[in-house]
Amino acid sequence: MHLRQYSSDWWKRILPFAIVILPAFFLLTPGCSDDPSELGKGLISPNDALALDMVSVSGVADTSFLSRVSTPDNDLVGIYQDLEARAVMQFSGFTSISSSSIVDSAVLVMSIPYRFLDTVGTLSFTVHEMLNAWSQSTFTWDTSNIPSEYSSTPDTTVLTNIVSGDTALSFHIDHLVQKWVQNATTTPDGIILLPSQISSTLIVGSITNSTVDTRPRLRIYYRTSVSDTTTDSLILATTQRAFVAHAPQPNTAGDMFSQAGISYRCRVQFDSLHIPTRASIARAIVQFSLDAANSETNVFTRDSLVVQLLRRSYYPFDSLAYATICAPTIVNGQKIYQGNITQIVQEWITREPNYGLVIRAYGESTILDRFALYNSSAAAGLKPRLIITYTVYK
């Protein structure tokens, strides 16, 4: 019993002494300082110092290559010089009309806020029925070249002049809609618009807009019977839409090309970086100079590029990471696109093989801009450039 009483009350006996002694102990004990203690002096080399350094390298190799991409939720059609765009679209809901009804008219209305390259000109195309199921996420130019994908006989031919005030394009597809209604086909495979190789001088259409619904509308006017004098109507919006585009790959000495819609991309590699593996990249800026004379842009251009780290050294160069936007600026009268790729360069230094960068148009899956960028064979001041600032212990 006496032992238990002592073990529970011992702290009461030393508490007055602790209140006096402990503060004095902390006041007399030396704290941390800039100089290591005797114990830590052997852990830090007196020769180590944090140094800031910079290296600037130019592009030494590059190539432009084709990378087919899908262009969902957009519809462009027409021809500008050697660039052709085809639109494919699908509607659903035709069984809302009785199969015995008479279709008097079926008008497809496309909004056309987008134009390439000019804003006025002639547009000509034919409308063909799609014969197979398709997906807007996988439909490509190559798909549109398969004869069995659509009817070889056009349902409608369209020829019109586009002027600056036009906001929409409309045309009839009465015969097709009458067939879909009579066959009670609620979701037919849709239609494809193929531009004329002779008459078209521009490309028009609409692209995805987060605030405005730009989908094409099909306005159907019908009667329930031949004797019926009352006309009813039904409006259907597209459930799928896409465009595909193609043009010969540009080949101009001193340039590499990135073109939206098709899409052409660039791969560029830089001279050896010669940066220590222990380095920490403080900042890495990549710059590309624009050859405006060989570019094709207009008021609708999304004037930026996207660069990405390339993880494989072979075509189709589609293993990519760390997308970075390169915004336009003017330096000494020259338009350049530059972006901060610090993360990419740090990956090169620490673990990723340096296979270079892939450059693509910012609006690659929506519009048709073509950017001609000076390549590694251009004059020294116009070549792709990478400016790196880093820190390292020396």
Protein backbone atom coordinates (compact mmCIF):
# COMPACT_ATOMS: atom_id res chain seq x y z
CA MET A 1 0.00 0.00 0.00
CA HIS A 2 2.84 2.44 0.81
CA LEU A 3 4.57 1.67 -2.52
CA ARG A 4 1.42 2.44 -4.51
CA GLN A 5 0.95 5.76 -2.70
CA TYR A 6 4.54 6.80 -3.48
CA SER A 7 4.27 5.96 -7.22
CA SER A 8 1.11 8.05 -7.70
CA ASP A 9 2.35 11.15 -5.77
CA TRP A 10 6.00 11.45 -6.82
CA TRP A 11 5.34 14.13 -9.43
CA LYS A 12 3.85 16.42 -6.81
CA ARG A 13 7.16 16.45 -4.97
CA ILE A 14 9.34 17.46 -7.98
CA LEU A 15 6.93 19.87 -9.73
CA PRO A 16 8.22 23.04 -7.98
CA PHE A 17 11.80 22.19 -8.99
CA ALA A 18 10.76 21.48 -12.66
CA ILE A 19 9.05 24.87 -13.00
CA VAL A 20 12.33 26.61 -12.13
CA ILE A 21 14.87 24.36 -13.85
CA LEU A 22 13.31 23.60 -17.29
CA PRO A 23 13.03 27.22 -18.59
CA ALA A 24 16.64 27.80 -17.57
CA PHE A 25 17.66 24.67 -19.51
CA PHE A 26 16.10 25.90 -22.76
CA LEU A 27 17.59 29.36 -22.40
CA LEU A 28 21.07 27.98 -21.95
CA THR A 29 20.88 25.39 -24.78
CA PRO A 30 22.22 26.81 -28.14
CA GLY A 31 19.70 26.76 -31.05
CA CYS A 32 20.11 26.23 -34.83
CA SER A 33 22.37 28.59 -36.73
CA ASP A 34 23.67 29.03 -40.26
CA ASP A 35 26.81 27.12 -39.36
CA PRO A 36 26.57 23.36 -38.86
CA SER A 37 27.42 22.00 -35.44
CA GLU A 38 30.47 19.90 -34.82
CA LEU A 39 28.26 16.86 -35.25
CA GLY A 40 26.98 17.97 -38.70
CA LYS A 41 30.14 19.39 -40.20
CA GLY A 42 31.11 16.09 -41.76
CA LEU A 43 27.79 15.73 -43.61
CA ILE A 44 28.01 18.88 -45.81
CA SER A 45 30.90 19.40 -48.16
CA PRO A 46 32.49 22.86 -47.75
CA ASN A 47 32.82 22.91 -51.57
CA ASP A 48 29.06 22.49 -52.26
CA ALA A 49 27.27 25.61 -53.56
CA LEU A 50 23.92 26.13 -55.26
CA ALA A 51 24.59 27.53 -58.74
CA LEU A 52 22.16 28.99 -61.31
CA ASP A 53 23.00 28.25 -64.93
CA MET A 54 21.36 28.60 -68.35
CA VAL A 55 21.60 26.78 -71.67
CA SER A 56 20.05 27.64 -75.04
CA VAL A 57 19.81 25.03 -77.78
CA SER A 58 18.35 24.98 -81.29
CA GLY A 59 16.33 22.35 -83.10
CA VAL A 60 18.54 19.93 -85.01
CA ALA A 61 15.97 17.58 -86.58
CA ASP A 62 12.30 17.74 -87.45
CA THR A 63 9.57 16.14 -89.50
CA SER A 64 5.95 16.83 -90.41
CA PHE A 65 3.65 13.83 -90.33
CA LEU A 66 0.02 12.84 -90.71
CA SER A 67 -1.98 11.92 -87.61
CA ARG A 68 -5.61 11.24 -88.41
CA VAL A 69 -7.89 12.48 -85.66
CA SER A 70 -11.65 12.42 -85.22
CA THR A 71 -13.53 15.72 -85.33
CA PRO A 72 -16.79 15.09 -83.44
CA ASP A 73 -19.53 17.66 -82.86
CA ASN A 74 -18.49 19.80 -85.82
CA ASP A 75 -19.66 20.04 -89.42
CA LEU A 76 -17.61 21.61 -92.22
CA VAL A 77 -18.02 21.12 -95.97
CA GLY A 78 -16.39 22.59 -99.07
CA ILE A 79 -13.10 22.99 -100.87
CA TYR A 80 -10.45 25.68 -100.64
CA GLN A 81 -7.69 25.15 -103.22
CA ASP A 82 -6.35 21.64 -102.45
CA LEU A 83 -8.03 21.36 -99.02
CA GLU A 84 -11.30 19.41 -98.93
CA ALA A 85 -13.75 18.97 -96.04
CA ARG A 86 -16.62 16.47 -95.92
CA ALA A 87 -19.45 16.51 -93.37
CA VAL A 88 -21.30 13.49 -92.00
CA MET A 89 -24.39 13.70 -89.79
CA GLN A 90 -27.16 11.59 -88.32
CA PHE A 91 -30.68 12.29 -87.04
CA SER A 92 -33.05 10.22 -84.93
CA GLY A 93 -36.79 10.29 -84.22
CA PHE A 94 -38.43 9.67 -87.59
CA THR A 95 -40.92 7.22 -86.12
CA SER A 96 -42.55 10.19 -84.41
CA ILE A 97 -44.28 10.52 -87.78
CA SER A 98 -46.67 7.79 -88.87
CA SER A 99 -45.28 5.63 -91.68
CA SER A 100 -48.43 6.35 -93.69
CA SER A 101 -47.86 10.11 -93.60
CA ILE A 102 -46.95 12.20 -96.63
CA VAL A 103 -43.72 14.17 -96.35
CA ASP A 104 -44.18 17.41 -98.28
CA SER A 105 -40.80 18.89 -97.47
CA ALA A 106 -37.66 18.15 -95.44
CA VAL A 107 -35.24 21.05 -95.12
CA LEU A 108 -31.84 20.69 -93.48
CA VAL A 109 -30.53 23.92 -91.98
CA MET A 110 -26.84 24.31 -91.10
CA SER A 111 -25.49 27.34 -89.27
CA ILE A 112 -22.31 28.59 -90.96
CA PRO A 113 -20.48 30.97 -88.63
CA TYR A 114 -17.14 29.41 -89.63
CA ARG A 115 -15.48 30.05 -93.03
CA PHE A 116 -12.13 28.97 -94.49
CA LEU A 117 -10.08 30.52 -95.90
CA ASP A 118 -12.12 33.34 -97.40
CA THR A 119 -15.45 34.49 -95.98
CA VAL A 120 -17.27 34.66 -99.34
CA GLY A 121 -17.29 32.36 -102.36
CA THR A 122 -19.02 29.48 -104.10
CA LEU A 123 -20.07 26.30 -102.35
CA SER A 124 -21.11 23.12 -104.13
CA PHE A 125 -21.69 19.61 -102.79
CA THR A 126 -23.83 16.50 -103.17
CA VAL A 127 -25.81 14.71 -100.44
CA HIS A 128 -25.49 10.94 -100.16
CA GLU A 129 -27.22 8.45 -97.85
CA MET A 130 -24.94 6.64 -95.42
CA LEU A 131 -25.31 2.84 -95.68
CA ASN A 132 -23.49 1.66 -92.55
CA ALA A 133 -23.39 2.52 -88.87
CA TRP A 134 -20.63 4.92 -87.86
CA SER A 135 -19.39 6.81 -84.81
CA GLN A 136 -18.43 10.48 -84.69
CA SER A 137 -15.50 9.52 -82.45
CA THR A 138 -13.89 7.19 -84.98
CA PHE A 139 -15.02 8.42 -88.40
CA THR A 140 -11.98 9.58 -90.42
CA TRP A 141 -11.08 10.66 -93.92
CA ASP A 142 -10.10 7.11 -94.73
CA THR A 143 -13.61 5.97 -93.75
CA SER A 144 -15.15 8.48 -96.13
CA ASN A 145 -13.11 7.01 -99.00
CA ILE A 146 -14.68 3.55 -98.68
CA PRO A 147 -17.27 3.27 -101.53
CA SER A 148 -19.54 0.92 -99.60
CA GLU A 149 -20.01 3.42 -96.76
CA TYR A 150 -22.53 5.55 -98.67
CA SER A 151 -24.73 5.51 -101.75
CA SER A 152 -22.93 6.42 -104.96
CA THR A 153 -26.07 8.14 -106.24
CA PRO A 154 -26.59 11.60 -104.76
CA ASP A 155 -29.98 12.43 -103.29
CA THR A 156 -29.48 16.18 -103.64
CA THR A 157 -27.05 18.56 -105.35
CA VAL A 158 -26.38 21.97 -103.79
CA LEU A 159 -24.80 24.96 -105.54
CA THR A 160 -24.87 28.35 -103.85
CA ASN A 161 -22.93 31.56 -103.37
CA ILE A 162 -21.98 32.45 -99.79
CA VAL A 163 -21.92 36.17 -98.97
CA SER A 164 -20.71 37.94 -95.84
CA GLY A 165 -24.16 38.32 -94.29
CA ASP A 166 -25.14 34.64 -94.53
CA THR A 167 -25.65 32.92 -91.19
CA ALA A 168 -27.17 29.62 -92.34
CA LEU A 169 -27.27 27.23 -95.27
CA SER A 170 -30.42 25.24 -96.11
CA PHE A 171 -31.21 22.49 -98.62
CA HIS A 172 -33.85 19.80 -99.19
CA ILE A 173 -33.54 16.07 -98.59
CA ASP A 174 -37.23 15.28 -99.18
CA HIS A 175 -36.76 11.93 -100.89
CA LEU A 176 -34.55 10.47 -98.16
CA VAL A 177 -36.79 11.57 -95.33
CA GLN A 178 -39.90 10.20 -97.07
CA LYS A 179 -38.15 6.83 -97.38
CA TRP A 180 -37.06 6.81 -93.71
CA VAL A 181 -40.59 7.68 -92.57
CA GLN A 182 -42.27 5.07 -94.77
CA ASN A 183 -39.82 2.40 -93.62
CA ALA A 184 -40.38 3.37 -89.98
CA THR A 185 -36.64 3.83 -89.48
CA THR A 186 -36.27 5.80 -86.30
CA THR A 187 -32.47 6.24 -86.60
CA PRO A 188 -31.16 5.85 -90.16
CA ASP A 189 -27.40 5.86 -90.76
CA GLY A 190 -27.49 9.49 -91.87
CA ILE A 191 -25.96 11.46 -94.72
CA ILE A 192 -22.58 12.59 -95.99
CA LEU A 193 -21.91 15.86 -97.84
CA LEU A 194 -19.29 15.55 -100.59
CA PRO A 195 -18.01 18.84 -102.07
CA SER A 196 -17.70 19.37 -105.80
CA GLN A 197 -14.14 19.36 -107.09
CA ILE A 198 -14.97 22.00 -109.69
CA SER A 199 -17.24 24.66 -108.22
CA SER A 200 -16.31 25.08 -104.54
CA THR A 201 -14.00 27.90 -103.51
CA LEU A 202 -14.45 27.95 -99.73
CA ILE A 203 -15.33 25.79 -96.72
CA VAL A 204 -18.20 26.61 -94.35
CA GLY A 205 -19.87 25.12 -91.32
CA SER A 206 -20.20 25.25 -87.56
CA ILE A 207 -18.13 24.07 -84.63
CA THR A 208 -18.93 23.15 -81.05
CA ASN A 209 -19.95 26.09 -78.90
CA SER A 210 -20.49 25.76 -75.15
CA THR A 211 -23.05 28.59 -75.05
CA VAL A 212 -24.95 28.14 -78.34
CA ASP A 213 -26.38 24.96 -79.84
CA THR A 214 -24.85 24.85 -83.33
CA ARG A 215 -26.19 21.44 -84.38
CA PRO A 216 -27.87 21.22 -87.82
CA ARG A 217 -31.67 21.03 -87.75
CA LEU A 218 -33.94 18.98 -90.01
CA ARG A 219 -37.37 20.56 -90.44
CA ILE A 220 -39.95 18.09 -91.69
CA TYR A 221 -43.36 19.22 -92.97
CA TYR A 222 -45.92 16.43 -93.44
CA ARG A 223 -49.61 15.49 -93.65
CA THR A 224 -51.17 12.44 -92.05
CA SER A 225 -52.87 11.46 -95.34
CA VAL A 226 -53.17 12.52 -98.96
CA SER A 227 -56.56 14.12 -98.32
CA ASP A 228 -55.39 15.95 -95.20
CA THR A 229 -55.14 19.72 -95.69
CA THR A 230 -53.41 20.38 -92.36
CA THR A 231 -49.62 20.42 -92.35
CA ASP A 232 -47.76 19.30 -89.29
CA SER A 233 -44.06 19.77 -88.61
CA LEU A 234 -41.24 18.11 -86.74
CA ILE A 235 -37.77 19.48 -86.02
CA LEU A 236 -34.89 17.08 -85.35
CA ALA A 237 -31.36 18.02 -84.30
CA THR A 238 -28.34 15.88 -85.15
CA THR A 239 -27.50 13.09 -82.74
CA GLN A 240 -24.07 12.71 -84.35
CA ARG A 241 -22.00 14.96 -86.58
CA ALA A 242 -18.39 15.24 -87.68
CA PHE A 243 -16.24 16.46 -90.50
CA VAL A 244 -13.16 14.98 -92.12
CA ALA A 245 -10.57 16.83 -94.16
CA HIS A 246 -7.58 16.22 -96.37
CA ALA A 247 -4.92 18.08 -98.36
CA PRO A 248 -1.52 17.08 -99.73
CA GLN A 249 1.21 17.46 -97.15
CA PRO A 250 2.92 20.83 -97.64
CA ASN A 251 6.57 20.68 -98.60
CA THR A 252 8.39 23.99 -98.36
CA ALA A 253 12.13 24.17 -97.73
CA GLY A 254 12.89 25.60 -94.31
CA ASP A 255 9.40 24.92 -92.90
CA MET A 256 7.58 22.29 -90.89
CA PHE A 257 3.78 22.26 -90.84
CA SER A 258 1.00 21.79 -88.32
CA GLN A 259 -2.51 21.83 -89.78
CA ALA A 260 -5.78 21.42 -87.94
CA GLY A 261 -8.61 19.23 -89.18
CA ILE A 262 -6.45 16.88 -91.26
CA SER A 263 -4.27 16.75 -89.05
CA TYR A 264 -0.60 17.35 -89.78
CA ARG A 265 1.73 17.53 -86.81
CA CYS A 266 5.44 18.27 -86.33
CA ARG A 267 8.11 16.47 -84.42
CA VAL A 268 11.17 18.48 -83.42
CA GLN A 269 14.36 17.39 -81.65
CA PHE A 270 16.90 19.66 -79.99
CA ASP A 271 20.67 19.59 -79.68
CA SER A 272 22.14 17.74 -76.68
CA LEU A 273 21.19 19.53 -73.49
CA HIS A 274 24.37 18.80 -71.46
CA ILE A 275 22.59 19.37 -68.17
CA PRO A 276 23.75 17.46 -65.04
CA THR A 277 21.38 14.74 -63.89
CA ARG A 278 21.29 16.36 -60.40
CA ALA A 279 19.95 19.59 -61.86
CA SER A 280 16.60 21.06 -60.95
CA ILE A 281 14.97 22.81 -63.90
CA ALA A 282 13.87 26.29 -62.83
CA ARG A 283 12.38 27.28 -66.18
CA ALA A 284 12.33 25.95 -69.76
CA ILE A 285 10.87 28.03 -72.59
CA VAL A 286 10.38 26.64 -76.08
CA GLN A 287 9.97 28.99 -79.06
CA PHE A 288 8.79 28.46 -82.64
CA SER A 289 8.91 31.17 -85.30
CA LEU A 290 5.99 31.49 -87.74
CA ASP A 291 6.47 31.63 -91.51
CA ALA A 292 3.41 33.78 -92.16
CA ALA A 293 3.76 33.65 -95.95
CA ASN A 294 3.19 29.88 -96.01
CA SER A 295 0.57 29.74 -93.24
CA GLU A 296 -3.19 29.74 -93.76
CA THR A 297 -5.10 31.52 -90.99
CA ASN A 298 -7.99 33.98 -90.79
CA VAL A 299 -10.28 35.77 -88.34
CA PHE A 300 -11.58 32.42 -87.05
CA THR A 301 -8.13 31.07 -86.23
CA ARG A 302 -7.44 29.64 -82.78
CA ASP A 303 -4.05 31.25 -82.66
CA SER A 304 -2.05 28.90 -80.44
CA LEU A 305 -0.07 25.69 -80.63
CA VAL A 306 0.14 22.72 -78.28
CA VAL A 307 3.43 20.91 -77.57
CA GLN A 308 3.75 17.52 -75.89
CA LEU A 309 6.50 15.24 -74.69
CA LEU A 310 7.05 12.34 -77.11
CA ARG A 311 7.53 8.95 -75.46
CA ARG A 312 8.22 6.83 -78.54
CA SER A 313 10.72 7.41 -81.30
CA TYR A 314 8.72 5.84 -84.13
CA TYR A 315 5.64 6.65 -86.22
CA PRO A 316 2.77 7.32 -85.58
CA PHE A 317 4.35 9.32 -82.70
CA ASP A 318 1.14 9.00 -80.67
CA SER A 319 2.49 8.25 -77.19
CA LEU A 320 2.32 11.76 -75.74
CA ALA A 321 2.23 13.50 -72.36
CA TYR A 322 2.25 16.91 -70.66
CA ALA A 323 0.32 19.07 -73.13
CA THR A 324 1.44 22.71 -72.97
CA ILE A 325 -0.01 25.69 -74.82
CA CYS A 326 2.34 27.90 -76.83
CA ALA A 327 0.87 31.38 -77.12
CA PRO A 328 1.75 33.93 -79.82
CA THR A 329 3.93 36.97 -79.20
CA ILE A 330 6.04 39.35 -81.26
CA VAL A 331 9.81 39.50 -80.73
CA ASN A 332 11.76 42.03 -82.80
CA GLY A 333 9.03 42.06 -85.41
CA GLN A 334 8.89 38.26 -85.73
CA LYS A 335 5.81 36.34 -84.60
CA ILE A 336 6.73 33.42 -82.39
CA TYR A 337 4.84 30.87 -80.32
CA GLN A 338 6.32 30.13 -76.93
CA GLY A 339 5.42 27.95 -74.00
CA ASN A 340 6.76 26.88 -70.63
CA ILE A 341 7.81 23.22 -70.80
CA THR A 342 9.69 23.06 -67.49
CA GLN A 343 8.00 19.80 -66.52
CA ILE A 344 8.91 18.15 -69.83
CA VAL A 345 12.59 19.10 -69.60
CA GLN A 346 12.75 17.95 -65.98
CA GLU A 347 11.40 14.58 -67.13
CA TRP A 348 14.12 14.40 -69.79
CA ILE A 349 16.78 15.06 -67.18
CA THR A 350 15.51 12.59 -64.61
CA ARG A 351 13.79 9.65 -66.32
CA GLU A 352 12.22 10.12 -69.77
CA PRO A 353 14.23 9.46 -72.98
CA ASN A 354 14.55 12.61 -75.05
CA TYR A 355 12.68 11.80 -78.26
CA GLY A 356 11.74 15.43 -78.78
CA LEU A 357 8.43 17.29 -78.89
CA VAL A 358 5.27 16.94 -80.96
CA ILE A 359 3.59 20.17 -82.08
CA ARG A 360 -0.06 20.38 -83.08
CA ALA A 361 -2.56 23.13 -83.80
CA TYR A 362 -4.62 24.17 -80.79
CA GLY A 363 -7.87 23.77 -82.76
CA GLU A 364 -6.80 20.48 -84.30
CA SER A 365 -10.18 18.74 -84.01
CA THR A 366 -12.41 21.72 -84.75
CA ILE A 367 -11.08 23.94 -87.54
CA LEU A 368 -8.58 24.03 -90.42
CA ASP A 369 -5.76 26.47 -89.56
CA ARG A 370 -2.36 25.75 -91.08
CA PHE A 371 0.79 26.92 -89.27
CA ALA A 372 4.08 26.99 -91.16
CA LEU A 373 6.90 27.02 -88.63
CA TYR A 374 10.54 27.57 -89.44
CA ASN A 375 12.40 24.30 -88.99
CA SER A 376 15.92 23.24 -88.04
CA SER A 377 17.32 24.13 -91.47
CA ALA A 378 16.15 27.75 -91.29
CA ALA A 379 18.35 30.73 -90.48
CA ALA A 380 19.86 30.63 -87.00
CA GLY A 381 17.52 33.24 -85.55
CA LEU A 382 14.41 31.44 -86.82
CA LYS A 383 15.11 27.85 -85.80
CA PRO A 384 13.12 26.21 -82.99
CA ARG A 385 14.78 27.21 -79.72
CA LEU A 386 14.79 25.87 -76.17
CA ILE A 387 16.04 28.12 -73.35
CA ILE A 388 16.61 26.36 -70.03
CA THR A 389 17.48 27.83 -66.64
CA TYR A 390 18.47 25.34 -63.95
CA THR A 391 20.07 25.05 -60.55
CA VAL A 392 22.68 22.50 -59.51
CA TYR A 393 25.07 21.88 -56.62
CA LYS A 394 28.68 22.33 -57.71
